[in-house]
């Protein structure tokens, strides 16, 4: 359990309410966190600023680039557009939660093998969106992969290595279940 901040209010010189914090409980990567936040604080801000989970990246902060993608109940969402107070009690997975017991998730391994990342800034969002797709569709077509990743922008690469990494992961996950 982790707690940060103080619950309460702060007043300005004129006596007007400046901020009020609310204590929320979040389930992130299998761990429970309690954090005091203002009601307008985004999940992205909470992850990075309050919990030091900096794998989730700041991008455009208006929901257009997908850099801040995390999974909420195994579905990709944009953490820059999601308020922390809205997601109490839901399962949150960040990029830090993909690796388990020192072992990379198969999509992470495929990205490495195929050099599907260039600078790496978009990679956390790409990986989480890819994981969500593969959890729902064990054998996606290229069009389905493109659709699943359509909300994630990469400024460095041409996307083919990323698509190939998702295809490789799908083939490996399918082979491991036979």
N, C-alpha and C. Protein backbone atom coordinates (compact mmCIF):
# COMPACT_ATOMS: atom_id res chain seq x y z
N UNK A 1 0.85 -1.17 0.00
CA UNK A 1 0.00 0.00 0.00
C UNK A 1 0.89 1.23 0.00
N UNK A 2 0.46 2.23 -0.71
CA UNK A 2 1.23 3.46 -0.86
C UNK A 2 0.30 4.62 -0.61
N UNK A 3 0.73 5.59 0.15
CA UNK A 3 -0.09 6.77 0.40
C UNK A 3 0.76 8.00 0.13
N UNK A 4 0.16 8.95 -0.53
CA UNK A 4 0.88 10.19 -0.79
C UNK A 4 -0.07 11.35 -0.64
N UNK A 5 0.42 12.45 -0.17
CA UNK A 5 -0.38 13.68 -0.07
C UNK A 5 -1.20 13.74 1.20
N UNK A 6 -1.81 14.87 1.40
CA UNK A 6 -2.66 15.09 2.55
C UNK A 6 -4.07 15.34 2.07
N UNK A 7 -5.02 14.86 2.85
CA UNK A 7 -6.41 15.09 2.51
C UNK A 7 -6.84 16.36 3.21
N UNK A 8 -7.53 17.24 2.48
CA UNK A 8 -7.98 18.48 3.09
C UNK A 8 -8.11 19.57 2.07
N UNK A 9 -8.22 20.78 2.55
CA UNK A 9 -8.39 21.91 1.66
C UNK A 9 -7.31 22.95 1.91
N UNK A 10 -7.12 23.76 0.91
CA UNK A 10 -6.21 24.90 1.03
C UNK A 10 -7.01 26.12 0.62
N UNK A 11 -6.80 27.22 1.29
CA UNK A 11 -7.53 28.44 0.96
C UNK A 11 -6.59 29.48 0.39
N UNK A 12 -7.12 30.27 -0.52
CA UNK A 12 -6.34 31.38 -1.08
C UNK A 12 -6.43 32.54 -0.12
N UNK A 13 -5.73 33.64 -0.43
CA UNK A 13 -5.75 34.82 0.42
C UNK A 13 -7.15 35.36 0.62
N UNK A 14 -7.97 35.26 -0.41
CA UNK A 14 -9.34 35.77 -0.32
C UNK A 14 -10.28 34.82 0.38
N UNK A 15 -9.80 33.69 0.85
CA UNK A 15 -10.63 32.73 1.54
C UNK A 15 -11.35 31.76 0.61
N UNK A 16 -11.08 31.84 -0.70
CA UNK A 16 -11.73 30.93 -1.64
C UNK A 16 -11.03 29.58 -1.63
N UNK A 17 -11.79 28.55 -1.85
CA UNK A 17 -11.25 27.21 -1.87
C UNK A 17 -10.33 27.04 -3.07
N UNK A 18 -9.07 26.68 -2.81
CA UNK A 18 -8.11 26.49 -3.89
C UNK A 18 -8.11 25.05 -4.39
N UNK A 19 -8.11 24.11 -3.49
CA UNK A 19 -8.14 22.71 -3.90
C UNK A 19 -8.64 21.84 -2.76
N UNK A 20 -9.28 20.76 -3.13
CA UNK A 20 -9.69 19.76 -2.16
C UNK A 20 -9.24 18.43 -2.69
N UNK A 21 -8.60 17.67 -1.84
CA UNK A 21 -8.11 16.37 -2.25
C UNK A 21 -9.03 15.28 -1.73
N UNK A 22 -9.13 14.25 -2.52
CA UNK A 22 -9.93 13.10 -2.19
C UNK A 22 -9.02 11.89 -2.15
N UNK A 23 -9.19 11.05 -1.17
CA UNK A 23 -8.40 9.83 -1.07
C UNK A 23 -9.04 8.77 -1.96
N UNK A 24 -8.26 8.26 -2.90
CA UNK A 24 -8.75 7.22 -3.80
C UNK A 24 -7.86 5.99 -3.68
N UNK A 25 -8.44 4.85 -4.03
CA UNK A 25 -7.70 3.59 -4.03
C UNK A 25 -7.66 3.07 -5.46
N UNK A 26 -6.47 2.76 -5.92
CA UNK A 26 -6.27 2.26 -7.28
C UNK A 26 -5.59 0.90 -7.23
N UNK A 27 -6.00 0.01 -8.14
CA UNK A 27 -5.39 -1.31 -8.29
C UNK A 27 -4.53 -1.26 -9.55
N UNK A 28 -3.22 -1.15 -9.36
CA UNK A 28 -2.31 -0.98 -10.49
C UNK A 28 -1.29 -2.11 -10.49
N UNK A 29 -1.25 -2.84 -11.60
CA UNK A 29 -0.28 -3.93 -11.77
C UNK A 29 -0.33 -4.92 -10.61
N UNK A 30 -1.53 -5.18 -10.13
CA UNK A 30 -1.72 -6.15 -9.06
C UNK A 30 -1.46 -5.63 -7.66
N UNK A 31 -1.18 -4.35 -7.52
CA UNK A 31 -0.94 -3.77 -6.21
C UNK A 31 -1.95 -2.69 -5.90
N UNK A 32 -2.21 -2.50 -4.63
CA UNK A 32 -3.18 -1.50 -4.18
C UNK A 32 -2.43 -0.23 -3.77
N UNK A 33 -2.91 0.90 -4.28
CA UNK A 33 -2.32 2.20 -3.95
C UNK A 33 -3.43 3.11 -3.44
N UNK A 34 -3.13 3.85 -2.40
CA UNK A 34 -4.02 4.90 -1.94
C UNK A 34 -3.31 6.22 -2.16
N UNK A 35 -4.01 7.16 -2.74
CA UNK A 35 -3.39 8.44 -3.07
C UNK A 35 -4.43 9.54 -2.90
N UNK A 36 -4.01 10.66 -2.39
CA UNK A 36 -4.89 11.83 -2.25
C UNK A 36 -4.70 12.70 -3.48
N UNK A 37 -5.79 12.95 -4.19
CA UNK A 37 -5.73 13.69 -5.44
C UNK A 37 -6.85 14.71 -5.51
N UNK A 38 -6.64 15.74 -6.31
CA UNK A 38 -7.73 16.64 -6.64
C UNK A 38 -8.61 15.93 -7.66
N UNK A 39 -9.88 16.26 -7.71
CA UNK A 39 -10.81 15.54 -8.58
C UNK A 39 -10.51 15.74 -10.06
N UNK A 40 -9.73 16.75 -10.40
CA UNK A 40 -9.42 17.00 -11.81
C UNK A 40 -8.08 16.42 -12.24
N UNK A 41 -7.44 15.63 -11.41
CA UNK A 41 -6.14 15.06 -11.74
C UNK A 41 -6.32 13.81 -12.60
N UNK A 42 -5.62 13.78 -13.72
CA UNK A 42 -5.74 12.65 -14.63
C UNK A 42 -4.97 11.44 -14.12
N UNK A 43 -5.36 10.28 -14.62
CA UNK A 43 -4.64 9.06 -14.29
C UNK A 43 -3.18 9.18 -14.72
N UNK A 44 -2.92 9.78 -15.87
CA UNK A 44 -1.54 9.98 -16.32
C UNK A 44 -0.73 10.75 -15.28
N UNK A 45 -1.29 11.82 -14.77
CA UNK A 45 -0.59 12.63 -13.77
C UNK A 45 -0.38 11.85 -12.48
N UNK A 46 -1.37 11.09 -12.08
CA UNK A 46 -1.25 10.29 -10.85
C UNK A 46 -0.15 9.25 -11.01
N UNK A 47 -0.16 8.54 -12.13
CA UNK A 47 0.85 7.51 -12.36
C UNK A 47 2.25 8.08 -12.32
N UNK A 48 2.48 9.14 -13.06
CA UNK A 48 3.82 9.70 -13.20
C UNK A 48 4.25 10.52 -11.99
N UNK A 49 3.38 11.42 -11.53
CA UNK A 49 3.78 12.39 -10.51
C UNK A 49 3.62 11.87 -9.08
N UNK A 50 2.58 11.11 -8.83
CA UNK A 50 2.33 10.66 -7.46
C UNK A 50 2.90 9.28 -7.18
N UNK A 51 2.87 8.39 -8.17
CA UNK A 51 3.28 7.01 -7.95
C UNK A 51 4.60 6.64 -8.59
N UNK A 52 5.22 7.57 -9.30
CA UNK A 52 6.52 7.37 -9.93
C UNK A 52 6.52 6.18 -10.90
N UNK A 53 5.38 5.93 -11.55
CA UNK A 53 5.29 4.93 -12.60
C UNK A 53 5.41 5.68 -13.92
N UNK A 54 6.65 5.93 -14.30
CA UNK A 54 6.92 6.84 -15.42
C UNK A 54 7.02 6.15 -16.77
N UNK A 55 6.71 4.86 -16.84
CA UNK A 55 6.69 4.18 -18.13
C UNK A 55 5.59 4.70 -19.03
N UNK A 56 4.49 5.13 -18.44
CA UNK A 56 3.41 5.75 -19.19
C UNK A 56 3.87 7.16 -19.53
N UNK A 57 3.83 7.50 -20.80
CA UNK A 57 4.43 8.76 -21.27
C UNK A 57 3.41 9.87 -21.49
N UNK A 58 3.86 11.10 -21.24
CA UNK A 58 3.12 12.30 -21.65
C UNK A 58 3.32 12.45 -23.15
N UNK A 59 2.26 12.66 -23.86
CA UNK A 59 2.36 12.91 -25.29
C UNK A 59 1.65 14.21 -25.60
N UNK A 60 0.57 14.10 -26.31
CA UNK A 60 -0.18 15.29 -26.73
C UNK A 60 -1.08 15.82 -25.62
N UNK A 61 -1.48 14.94 -24.70
CA UNK A 61 -2.38 15.24 -23.59
C UNK A 61 -3.77 15.72 -24.02
N UNK A 62 -4.15 15.40 -25.28
CA UNK A 62 -5.51 15.69 -25.75
C UNK A 62 -6.14 14.46 -26.40
N UNK A 63 -5.54 13.28 -26.20
CA UNK A 63 -6.13 12.05 -26.67
C UNK A 63 -5.90 11.71 -28.12
N UNK A 64 -4.88 12.25 -28.74
CA UNK A 64 -4.67 11.99 -30.16
C UNK A 64 -3.48 11.10 -30.48
N UNK A 65 -2.56 10.89 -29.53
CA UNK A 65 -1.34 10.17 -29.90
C UNK A 65 -1.23 8.76 -29.33
N UNK A 66 -1.93 8.43 -28.26
CA UNK A 66 -1.88 7.10 -27.69
C UNK A 66 -0.67 6.79 -26.84
N UNK A 67 0.21 7.74 -26.68
CA UNK A 67 1.43 7.52 -25.90
C UNK A 67 1.13 7.16 -24.46
N UNK A 68 0.04 7.66 -23.94
CA UNK A 68 -0.32 7.45 -22.53
C UNK A 68 -1.23 6.25 -22.31
N UNK A 69 -1.37 5.38 -23.31
CA UNK A 69 -2.28 4.24 -23.21
C UNK A 69 -1.90 3.32 -22.05
N UNK A 70 -2.91 2.97 -21.26
CA UNK A 70 -2.82 1.94 -20.23
C UNK A 70 -4.03 1.03 -20.43
N UNK A 71 -4.06 -0.06 -19.69
CA UNK A 71 -5.22 -0.94 -19.76
C UNK A 71 -6.07 -0.76 -18.50
N UNK A 72 -7.36 -0.57 -18.70
CA UNK A 72 -8.32 -0.54 -17.60
C UNK A 72 -9.24 -1.74 -17.83
N UNK A 73 -9.23 -2.66 -16.88
CA UNK A 73 -9.99 -3.90 -17.04
C UNK A 73 -9.68 -4.55 -18.40
N UNK A 74 -8.39 -4.55 -18.73
CA UNK A 74 -7.84 -5.18 -19.94
C UNK A 74 -8.20 -4.48 -21.24
N UNK A 75 -8.77 -3.29 -21.18
CA UNK A 75 -9.11 -2.51 -22.37
C UNK A 75 -8.21 -1.28 -22.45
N UNK A 76 -7.68 -0.96 -23.64
CA UNK A 76 -6.82 0.22 -23.76
C UNK A 76 -7.61 1.50 -23.57
N UNK A 77 -7.08 2.39 -22.75
CA UNK A 77 -7.67 3.71 -22.55
C UNK A 77 -6.54 4.74 -22.55
N UNK A 78 -6.91 5.98 -22.78
CA UNK A 78 -5.94 7.07 -22.76
C UNK A 78 -5.94 7.66 -21.36
N UNK A 79 -4.83 7.51 -20.67
CA UNK A 79 -4.77 7.97 -19.29
C UNK A 79 -4.77 9.49 -19.18
N UNK A 80 -4.45 10.19 -20.27
CA UNK A 80 -4.47 11.66 -20.24
C UNK A 80 -5.89 12.20 -20.24
N UNK A 81 -6.86 11.37 -20.62
CA UNK A 81 -8.26 11.80 -20.68
C UNK A 81 -9.11 11.16 -19.58
N UNK A 82 -8.48 10.40 -18.69
CA UNK A 82 -9.19 9.66 -17.66
C UNK A 82 -8.87 10.24 -16.29
N UNK A 83 -9.89 10.62 -15.57
CA UNK A 83 -9.68 11.13 -14.22
C UNK A 83 -9.47 9.98 -13.25
N UNK A 84 -8.54 10.17 -12.34
CA UNK A 84 -8.25 9.13 -11.35
C UNK A 84 -9.45 8.75 -10.52
N UNK A 85 -10.28 9.72 -10.17
CA UNK A 85 -11.45 9.44 -9.33
C UNK A 85 -12.48 8.58 -10.05
N UNK A 86 -12.41 8.49 -11.38
CA UNK A 86 -13.37 7.72 -12.16
C UNK A 86 -13.09 6.22 -12.18
N UNK A 87 -11.90 5.81 -11.81
CA UNK A 87 -11.51 4.42 -12.04
C UNK A 87 -11.18 3.64 -10.78
N UNK A 88 -11.65 4.11 -9.65
CA UNK A 88 -11.42 3.37 -8.41
C UNK A 88 -12.00 1.96 -8.53
N UNK A 89 -11.28 1.00 -8.01
CA UNK A 89 -11.74 -0.37 -7.98
C UNK A 89 -11.59 -1.13 -9.29
N UNK A 90 -11.08 -0.48 -10.31
CA UNK A 90 -10.88 -1.15 -11.59
C UNK A 90 -9.43 -1.61 -11.71
N UNK A 91 -9.21 -2.62 -12.49
CA UNK A 91 -7.87 -3.19 -12.70
C UNK A 91 -7.13 -2.33 -13.72
N UNK A 92 -6.00 -1.78 -13.30
CA UNK A 92 -5.17 -0.93 -14.16
C UNK A 92 -3.86 -1.65 -14.43
N UNK A 93 -3.49 -1.71 -15.70
CA UNK A 93 -2.19 -2.28 -16.08
C UNK A 93 -1.41 -1.21 -16.82
N UNK A 94 -0.20 -0.94 -16.35
CA UNK A 94 0.71 -0.03 -17.03
C UNK A 94 1.83 -0.86 -17.66
N UNK A 95 2.69 -0.22 -18.40
CA UNK A 95 3.80 -0.93 -19.03
C UNK A 95 4.65 -1.66 -17.99
N UNK A 96 4.74 -1.10 -16.79
CA UNK A 96 5.53 -1.76 -15.73
C UNK A 96 4.93 -3.10 -15.34
N UNK A 97 3.65 -3.31 -15.63
CA UNK A 97 2.98 -4.55 -15.25
C UNK A 97 3.02 -5.65 -16.29
N UNK A 98 3.58 -5.39 -17.47
CA UNK A 98 3.64 -6.44 -18.49
C UNK A 98 4.65 -7.54 -18.13
N UNK A 99 5.81 -7.16 -17.73
CA UNK A 99 6.84 -8.11 -17.34
C UNK A 99 6.38 -8.79 -16.04
N UNK A 100 6.50 -10.09 -15.98
CA UNK A 100 6.09 -10.85 -14.80
C UNK A 100 7.23 -11.70 -14.29
N UNK A 101 7.60 -11.50 -13.04
CA UNK A 101 8.64 -12.31 -12.39
C UNK A 101 9.94 -12.34 -13.20
N UNK A 102 10.31 -11.18 -13.73
CA UNK A 102 11.56 -11.08 -14.49
C UNK A 102 11.47 -11.57 -15.92
N UNK A 103 10.28 -11.98 -16.36
CA UNK A 103 10.11 -12.49 -17.72
C UNK A 103 9.29 -11.51 -18.54
N UNK A 104 9.84 -11.12 -19.69
CA UNK A 104 9.13 -10.21 -20.57
C UNK A 104 7.85 -10.86 -21.10
N UNK A 105 6.85 -10.04 -21.34
CA UNK A 105 5.64 -10.51 -22.01
C UNK A 105 6.04 -10.84 -23.45
N UNK A 106 5.40 -11.82 -24.08
CA UNK A 106 5.77 -12.18 -25.46
C UNK A 106 5.74 -11.00 -26.45
N UNK A 107 4.84 -10.04 -26.27
CA UNK A 107 4.83 -8.88 -27.19
C UNK A 107 6.06 -8.02 -26.97
N UNK A 108 6.54 -7.91 -25.74
CA UNK A 108 7.77 -7.16 -25.49
C UNK A 108 8.96 -7.86 -26.15
N UNK A 109 9.01 -9.18 -26.03
CA UNK A 109 10.10 -9.95 -26.63
C UNK A 109 10.11 -9.79 -28.15
N UNK A 110 8.93 -9.84 -28.76
CA UNK A 110 8.85 -9.70 -30.22
C UNK A 110 9.28 -8.31 -30.66
N UNK A 111 8.90 -7.27 -29.92
CA UNK A 111 9.33 -5.91 -30.26
C UNK A 111 10.86 -5.82 -30.24
N UNK A 112 11.48 -6.45 -29.27
CA UNK A 112 12.94 -6.43 -29.17
C UNK A 112 13.56 -7.19 -30.35
N UNK A 113 13.09 -8.39 -30.58
CA UNK A 113 13.66 -9.24 -31.63
C UNK A 113 13.55 -8.60 -33.01
N UNK A 114 12.43 -7.95 -33.28
CA UNK A 114 12.20 -7.38 -34.61
C UNK A 114 12.58 -5.90 -34.70
N UNK A 115 13.12 -5.37 -33.61
CA UNK A 115 13.50 -3.96 -33.54
C UNK A 115 12.32 -3.08 -33.96
N UNK A 116 11.18 -3.34 -33.32
CA UNK A 116 9.95 -2.64 -33.65
C UNK A 116 9.85 -1.26 -33.00
N UNK A 117 10.82 -0.92 -32.19
CA UNK A 117 10.82 0.40 -31.55
C UNK A 117 12.04 1.18 -32.02
N UNK A 118 11.85 2.45 -32.21
CA UNK A 118 12.98 3.31 -32.54
C UNK A 118 13.37 4.08 -31.28
N UNK A 119 12.77 5.23 -31.05
CA UNK A 119 13.14 6.02 -29.86
C UNK A 119 12.53 5.43 -28.59
N UNK A 120 11.42 4.71 -28.73
CA UNK A 120 10.79 4.06 -27.58
C UNK A 120 9.70 4.86 -26.90
N UNK A 121 9.50 6.10 -27.31
CA UNK A 121 8.53 6.94 -26.62
C UNK A 121 7.10 6.42 -26.77
N UNK A 122 6.73 5.97 -27.95
CA UNK A 122 5.37 5.47 -28.18
C UNK A 122 5.23 4.01 -27.76
N UNK A 123 6.33 3.34 -27.53
CA UNK A 123 6.34 1.90 -27.33
C UNK A 123 5.43 1.41 -26.20
N UNK A 124 5.42 2.04 -25.02
CA UNK A 124 4.52 1.53 -23.98
C UNK A 124 3.06 1.47 -24.43
N UNK A 125 2.59 2.51 -25.08
CA UNK A 125 1.21 2.52 -25.56
C UNK A 125 0.98 1.48 -26.63
N UNK A 126 1.95 1.32 -27.54
CA UNK A 126 1.84 0.31 -28.59
C UNK A 126 1.77 -1.10 -27.99
N UNK A 127 2.64 -1.35 -27.01
CA UNK A 127 2.67 -2.67 -26.39
C UNK A 127 1.36 -3.00 -25.69
N UNK A 128 0.83 -2.03 -24.95
CA UNK A 128 -0.42 -2.28 -24.21
C UNK A 128 -1.60 -2.43 -25.16
N UNK A 129 -1.66 -1.63 -26.20
CA UNK A 129 -2.74 -1.79 -27.19
C UNK A 129 -2.62 -3.14 -27.89
N UNK A 130 -1.40 -3.57 -28.18
CA UNK A 130 -1.17 -4.87 -28.81
C UNK A 130 -1.59 -6.01 -27.89
N UNK A 131 -1.24 -5.90 -26.62
CA UNK A 131 -1.63 -6.92 -25.65
C UNK A 131 -3.14 -7.04 -25.58
N UNK A 132 -3.83 -5.92 -25.52
CA UNK A 132 -5.29 -5.94 -25.44
C UNK A 132 -5.88 -6.64 -26.67
N UNK A 133 -5.34 -6.33 -27.84
CA UNK A 133 -5.81 -6.99 -29.06
C UNK A 133 -5.61 -8.49 -28.98
N UNK A 134 -4.40 -8.92 -28.63
CA UNK A 134 -4.08 -10.34 -28.61
C UNK A 134 -4.83 -11.10 -27.51
N UNK A 135 -5.20 -10.41 -26.45
CA UNK A 135 -6.01 -11.05 -25.41
C UNK A 135 -7.41 -11.34 -25.92
N UNK A 136 -7.91 -10.52 -26.83
CA UNK A 136 -9.26 -10.69 -27.37
C UNK A 136 -9.28 -11.48 -28.68
N UNK A 137 -8.20 -11.39 -29.45
CA UNK A 137 -8.17 -12.00 -30.78
C UNK A 137 -6.82 -12.69 -30.93
N UNK A 138 -6.81 -13.99 -30.82
CA UNK A 138 -5.56 -14.75 -30.85
C UNK A 138 -4.90 -14.79 -32.22
N UNK A 139 -5.66 -14.50 -33.27
CA UNK A 139 -5.12 -14.57 -34.62
C UNK A 139 -5.62 -13.39 -35.46
N UNK A 140 -5.18 -12.18 -35.11
CA UNK A 140 -5.69 -11.01 -35.84
C UNK A 140 -5.09 -10.88 -37.24
N UNK A 141 -5.89 -10.35 -38.14
CA UNK A 141 -5.40 -10.05 -39.49
C UNK A 141 -4.58 -8.76 -39.43
N UNK A 142 -3.87 -8.44 -40.49
CA UNK A 142 -3.14 -7.18 -40.53
C UNK A 142 -4.08 -6.00 -40.39
N UNK A 143 -5.25 -6.08 -41.00
CA UNK A 143 -6.21 -4.99 -40.88
C UNK A 143 -6.69 -4.82 -39.44
N UNK A 144 -6.89 -5.93 -38.74
CA UNK A 144 -7.31 -5.86 -37.34
C UNK A 144 -6.19 -5.29 -36.46
N UNK A 145 -4.97 -5.64 -36.77
CA UNK A 145 -3.83 -5.08 -36.03
C UNK A 145 -3.75 -3.57 -36.27
N UNK A 146 -3.86 -3.18 -37.53
CA UNK A 146 -3.82 -1.75 -37.86
C UNK A 146 -4.93 -0.99 -37.15
N UNK A 147 -6.11 -1.56 -37.12
CA UNK A 147 -7.25 -0.92 -36.44
C UNK A 147 -6.98 -0.80 -34.94
N UNK A 148 -6.47 -1.86 -34.33
CA UNK A 148 -6.20 -1.85 -32.89
C UNK A 148 -5.13 -0.82 -32.53
N UNK A 149 -4.19 -0.59 -33.43
CA UNK A 149 -3.09 0.35 -33.17
C UNK A 149 -3.35 1.73 -33.76
N UNK A 150 -4.51 1.94 -34.34
CA UNK A 150 -4.78 3.20 -35.04
C UNK A 150 -4.76 4.42 -34.12
N UNK A 151 -4.94 4.23 -32.84
CA UNK A 151 -4.89 5.35 -31.91
C UNK A 151 -3.51 5.61 -31.34
N UNK A 152 -2.52 4.85 -31.78
CA UNK A 152 -1.15 5.00 -31.30
C UNK A 152 -0.26 5.50 -32.42
N UNK A 153 0.25 6.69 -32.26
CA UNK A 153 1.11 7.29 -33.28
C UNK A 153 2.58 7.07 -32.97
N UNK A 154 3.34 6.77 -34.00
CA UNK A 154 4.79 6.65 -33.90
C UNK A 154 5.39 7.64 -34.89
N UNK A 155 6.30 8.43 -34.42
CA UNK A 155 6.90 9.44 -35.28
C UNK A 155 8.23 8.98 -35.87
N UNK A 156 8.71 7.80 -35.48
CA UNK A 156 10.04 7.36 -35.91
C UNK A 156 10.03 6.27 -36.97
N UNK A 157 9.04 5.42 -36.97
CA UNK A 157 9.12 4.23 -37.81
C UNK A 157 7.95 4.17 -38.78
N UNK A 158 7.96 3.20 -39.64
CA UNK A 158 6.92 3.04 -40.64
C UNK A 158 5.85 2.05 -40.25
N UNK A 159 5.81 1.62 -39.03
CA UNK A 159 4.79 0.72 -38.49
C UNK A 159 4.92 -0.74 -38.89
N UNK A 160 5.64 -1.07 -39.97
CA UNK A 160 5.68 -2.46 -40.41
C UNK A 160 6.31 -3.37 -39.39
N UNK A 161 7.38 -2.95 -38.75
CA UNK A 161 8.02 -3.79 -37.73
C UNK A 161 7.09 -4.00 -36.54
N UNK A 162 6.29 -2.99 -36.23
CA UNK A 162 5.34 -3.10 -35.13
C UNK A 162 4.26 -4.14 -35.49
N UNK A 163 3.73 -4.04 -36.69
CA UNK A 163 2.72 -5.00 -37.15
C UNK A 163 3.31 -6.41 -37.19
N UNK A 164 4.53 -6.53 -37.67
CA UNK A 164 5.19 -7.84 -37.71
C UNK A 164 5.40 -8.40 -36.31
N UNK A 165 5.70 -7.54 -35.35
CA UNK A 165 5.89 -7.99 -33.96
C UNK A 165 4.58 -8.53 -33.39
N UNK A 166 3.47 -7.89 -33.70
CA UNK A 166 2.17 -8.37 -33.23
C UNK A 166 1.85 -9.71 -33.90
N UNK A 167 2.13 -9.82 -35.20
CA UNK A 167 1.90 -11.08 -35.91
C UNK A 167 2.77 -12.21 -35.33
N UNK A 168 4.03 -11.91 -35.06
CA UNK A 168 4.93 -12.92 -34.48
C UNK A 168 4.42 -13.37 -33.12
N UNK A 169 4.00 -12.42 -32.31
CA UNK A 169 3.47 -12.76 -30.99
C UNK A 169 2.23 -13.63 -31.12
N UNK A 170 1.33 -13.28 -32.03
CA UNK A 170 0.12 -14.07 -32.24
C UNK A 170 0.47 -15.50 -32.62
N UNK A 171 1.45 -15.65 -33.53
CA UNK A 171 1.83 -16.99 -33.96
C UNK A 171 2.44 -17.77 -32.80
N UNK A 172 3.23 -17.13 -31.99
CA UNK A 172 3.84 -17.81 -30.84
C UNK A 172 2.81 -18.16 -29.79
N UNK A 173 1.89 -17.26 -29.51
CA UNK A 173 0.85 -17.55 -28.52
C UNK A 173 -0.05 -18.66 -29.01
N UNK A 174 -0.35 -18.67 -30.30
CA UNK A 174 -1.17 -19.75 -30.87
C UNK A 174 -0.46 -21.09 -30.82
N UNK A 175 0.84 -21.07 -31.09
CA UNK A 175 1.61 -22.31 -31.08
C UNK A 175 1.75 -22.86 -29.67
N UNK A 176 1.82 -21.98 -28.67
CA UNK A 176 2.00 -22.43 -27.30
C UNK A 176 0.72 -23.03 -26.72
N UNK A 177 -0.43 -22.80 -27.36
CA UNK A 177 -1.71 -23.31 -26.85
C UNK A 177 -2.11 -24.63 -27.52
N UNK A 178 -1.37 -25.05 -28.53
CA UNK A 178 -1.73 -26.29 -29.26
C UNK A 178 -1.20 -27.50 -28.56
